[in-house]
Protein backbone atom coordinates (compact mmCIF):
# COMPACT_ATOMS: atom_id res chain seq x y z
CA MET A 1 107.14 39.62 180.80
CA PRO A 2 105.07 42.07 178.70
CA LYS A 3 103.05 40.62 175.86
CA ILE A 4 104.52 41.39 172.42
CA VAL A 5 101.86 42.79 170.12
CA ASN A 6 102.08 42.36 166.36
CA HIS A 7 100.74 45.75 165.30
CA GLN A 8 100.20 44.81 161.66
CA GLU A 9 98.25 41.73 162.66
CA ARG A 10 96.19 43.85 165.08
CA LYS A 11 95.36 46.37 162.35
CA GLU A 12 94.24 43.56 160.07
CA LYS A 13 92.01 42.10 162.82
CA ILE A 14 90.40 45.53 163.24
CA ALA A 15 89.84 45.76 159.47
CA GLU A 16 88.32 42.26 159.46
CA ALA A 17 85.94 43.37 162.22
CA ALA A 18 85.07 46.40 160.08
CA TRP A 19 84.26 44.05 157.19
CA GLN A 20 81.82 42.17 159.41
CA VAL A 21 80.08 45.41 160.42
CA ILE A 22 79.94 46.55 156.78
CA ARG A 23 78.62 43.16 155.72
CA ARG A 24 75.87 43.26 158.32
CA GLU A 25 74.98 46.97 158.37
CA GLY A 26 76.40 48.47 155.20
CA LEU A 27 78.97 51.23 154.95
CA ASP A 28 76.61 53.76 156.52
CA GLY A 29 76.45 51.58 159.64
CA ILE A 30 80.17 51.60 160.29
CA THR A 31 81.53 53.59 163.22
CA VAL A 32 84.74 53.14 165.17
CA ARG A 33 82.63 52.29 168.24
CA ARG A 34 80.77 49.50 166.37
CA VAL A 35 84.02 48.08 165.08
CA ALA A 36 85.58 48.19 168.57
CA ASP A 37 82.50 46.42 169.93
CA GLU A 38 82.64 43.83 167.13
CA LEU A 39 86.22 43.00 168.03
CA GLY A 40 85.65 43.26 171.78
CA ILE A 41 88.25 45.97 172.36
CA SER A 42 88.06 49.44 173.85
CA LEU A 43 87.57 52.50 171.69
CA GLY A 44 90.95 53.75 172.91
CA SER A 45 92.65 50.56 171.72
CA LEU A 46 91.12 50.95 168.26
CA ARG A 47 92.08 54.64 168.10
CA TYR A 48 95.68 53.67 168.79
CA TYR A 49 95.70 52.17 165.29
CA PHE A 50 93.24 54.41 163.45
CA ASP A 51 92.79 58.10 164.22
CA SER A 52 89.52 58.38 162.35
CA GLN A 53 86.70 56.41 160.83
CA ASN A 54 87.86 57.45 157.34
CA GLU A 55 91.35 56.09 158.03
CA LEU A 56 89.84 52.78 159.17
CA ILE A 57 87.60 52.58 156.11
CA ALA A 58 90.49 53.34 153.75
CA TYR A 59 92.69 50.70 155.35
CA SER A 60 89.86 48.15 155.30
CA MET A 61 89.24 48.70 151.61
CA ARG A 62 92.91 48.50 150.67
CA LEU A 63 93.36 45.34 152.74
CA ILE A 64 90.84 43.51 150.53
CA SER A 65 92.95 44.32 147.49
CA GLN A 66 96.17 43.41 149.31
CA ARG A 67 94.81 40.03 150.39
CA ALA A 68 93.68 39.19 146.85
CA ASN A 69 97.10 40.18 145.50
CA GLU A 70 98.85 38.02 148.11
CA ARG A 71 96.72 35.02 147.12
CA ILE A 72 97.48 35.64 143.45
CA GLN A 73 101.24 35.70 144.15
CA LYS A 74 100.97 32.20 145.68
CA LEU A 75 99.04 30.60 142.81
CA PRO A 76 100.45 27.49 141.10
CA PHE A 77 101.06 29.06 137.71
CA LYS A 78 101.97 26.67 134.89
CA GLY A 79 103.11 29.18 132.29
CA GLU A 80 100.00 28.35 130.24
CA PRO A 81 98.34 31.72 129.55
CA ARG A 82 94.71 30.62 129.67
CA HIS A 83 95.15 28.43 132.75
CA ASP A 84 97.06 31.14 134.61
CA ILE A 85 94.58 33.89 133.74
CA GLU A 86 91.65 31.76 134.87
CA LEU A 87 93.46 31.15 138.18
CA ILE A 88 93.92 34.89 138.68
CA ILE A 89 90.31 35.72 137.83
CA ALA A 90 89.11 33.01 140.22
CA GLU A 91 90.94 34.77 143.06
CA ILE A 92 88.88 37.94 142.64
CA THR A 93 85.58 36.13 142.14
CA PRO A 94 83.29 35.02 145.01
CA LEU A 95 83.97 31.29 144.78
CA ASP A 96 84.27 30.66 148.52
CA GLU A 97 83.34 32.29 151.83
CA GLU A 98 86.46 34.48 152.04
CA ARG A 99 86.07 35.85 148.52
CA THR A 100 82.31 36.27 149.01
CA LEU A 101 82.94 38.41 152.09
CA GLU A 102 85.44 40.48 150.12
CA SER A 103 82.92 40.88 147.28
CA GLU A 104 80.16 41.97 149.64
CA VAL A 105 82.40 44.58 151.27
CA TRP A 106 83.68 45.73 147.87
CA LEU A 107 80.07 46.19 146.69
CA ALA A 108 79.28 48.26 149.77
CA PHE A 109 82.23 50.50 148.95
CA ALA A 110 81.28 50.70 145.27
CA GLY A 111 77.71 51.71 146.11
CA LYS A 112 78.89 54.44 148.46
CA ALA A 113 81.42 55.72 145.91
CA VAL A 114 78.58 57.30 143.94
CA SER A 115 77.86 59.86 146.65
CA ASP A 116 81.00 60.06 148.81
CA PRO A 117 84.08 61.73 147.23
CA ASP A 118 86.52 60.09 149.69
CA ILE A 119 85.14 56.60 149.05
CA ARG A 120 85.03 57.39 145.33
CA ALA A 121 88.77 58.17 145.36
CA LEU A 122 89.52 54.90 147.16
CA SER A 123 87.23 52.98 144.85
CA ARG A 124 89.01 54.52 141.87
CA GLU A 125 92.35 53.25 143.22
CA VAL A 126 90.99 49.71 143.32
CA HIS A 127 89.34 50.11 139.91
CA ASP A 128 92.58 51.33 138.35
CA GLU A 129 94.56 48.50 139.96
CA LEU A 130 92.10 45.93 138.59
CA HIS A 131 92.10 47.54 135.16
CA ALA A 132 95.91 47.41 135.09
CA GLY A 133 95.78 43.73 136.07
CA PHE A 134 93.30 42.90 133.31
CA ARG A 135 95.44 44.85 130.83
CA ARG A 136 98.48 42.78 131.81
CA MET A 137 96.43 39.62 131.20
CA ILE A 138 95.32 40.72 127.73
CA ASP A 139 98.81 41.96 126.82
CA HIS A 140 100.23 38.61 127.95
CA LEU A 141 97.78 36.71 125.75
CA ILE A 142 98.65 38.91 122.77
CA ALA A 143 102.41 38.60 123.42
CA ARG A 144 102.06 34.81 123.50
CA SER A 145 100.20 34.95 120.14
CA VAL A 146 97.22 33.01 121.48
CA THR A 147 94.54 35.60 120.70
CA LYS A 148 92.59 35.99 117.51
CA GLU A 149 94.11 38.37 114.99
CA GLY A 150 93.54 42.09 115.32
CA ILE A 151 91.98 42.30 118.76
CA ASN A 152 92.02 45.71 120.41
CA ALA A 153 93.92 45.32 123.71
CA GLU A 154 92.29 48.26 125.50
CA PHE A 155 88.80 47.32 124.36
CA GLU A 156 89.32 43.70 125.40
CA THR A 157 90.69 44.86 128.76
CA LYS A 158 87.56 46.90 129.39
CA ARG A 159 85.34 44.05 128.25
CA LEU A 160 87.01 41.48 130.52
CA HIS A 161 87.03 43.92 133.45
CA ALA A 162 83.33 44.68 132.96
CA LEU A 163 82.51 40.99 132.61
CA VAL A 164 84.26 40.01 135.85
CA ASP A 165 82.83 43.01 137.74
CA GLY A 166 79.37 42.07 136.48
CA LEU A 167 79.79 38.44 137.52
CA VAL A 168 80.85 39.53 141.00
CA VAL A 169 77.87 41.88 141.30
CA HIS A 170 75.34 39.34 140.02
CA HIS A 171 76.50 36.47 142.20
CA THR A 172 77.05 38.60 145.31
CA THR A 173 73.65 40.25 145.01
CA PHE A 174 71.63 37.22 143.86
CA PRO A 175 73.63 34.05 144.62
CA GLU A 176 70.55 31.89 144.14
CA LEU A 177 70.12 33.15 140.57
CA PHE A 178 73.76 33.04 139.50
CA VAL A 179 75.51 30.12 141.17
CA ARG A 180 79.25 29.87 141.75
CA GLU A 181 79.69 27.10 139.20
CA GLU A 182 78.49 29.44 136.47
CA LEU A 183 80.99 32.22 137.22
CA MET A 184 84.10 30.61 135.83
CA ALA A 185 82.12 28.91 133.06
CA VAL A 186 81.15 32.38 131.79
CA VAL A 187 84.79 33.55 132.04
CA SER A 188 85.90 30.47 130.11
CA TYR A 189 83.26 31.08 127.44
CA HIS A 190 84.46 34.66 127.09
CA LEU A 191 88.08 33.56 126.72
CA ASP A 192 86.97 31.15 123.99
CA ASP A 193 85.73 34.21 122.12
CA ILE A 194 89.10 35.99 122.10
CA LEU A 195 91.53 33.07 121.91
CA ARG A 196 92.55 31.16 118.81
């Protein structure tokens, strides 16, 4: 009886192997051969799923965002705006090994986006998706009348987005200087500033 292969699962395993290569060697170190070696499969097997290195990189980057979104969908929301927003932010912050790996890979992509137009376009997709998520959070707080009077929704969206991005960068780059316990404390302090 032939073995049934779950192609989606196989693609995700290849992307996870790509993350390990990126984590160890940076984005410049990634090749389809290195990823195939990391996973212990033939180059031909990898090429069955990804025609090019760029296609593999694009899929790998989007998978990080997809995984975070899937985790967010499963969160135990209470309908309390502050609680729920802090839960969401925690899912995109390096508070455990899985999210740290995602942050390290995301930073590799972000660094390469400065000089590579293809990576820049992908990075912009993720940026815009995050921005839209932060905007929904701020709009939700305003709609629930829990913010201070007269806040500017777009400005507060940019401020929260920049704060969380900065926290991710600081902790991922220098975890010994900015410990995990401080990440959500800073987010909470910020929310104190905009909430009634």
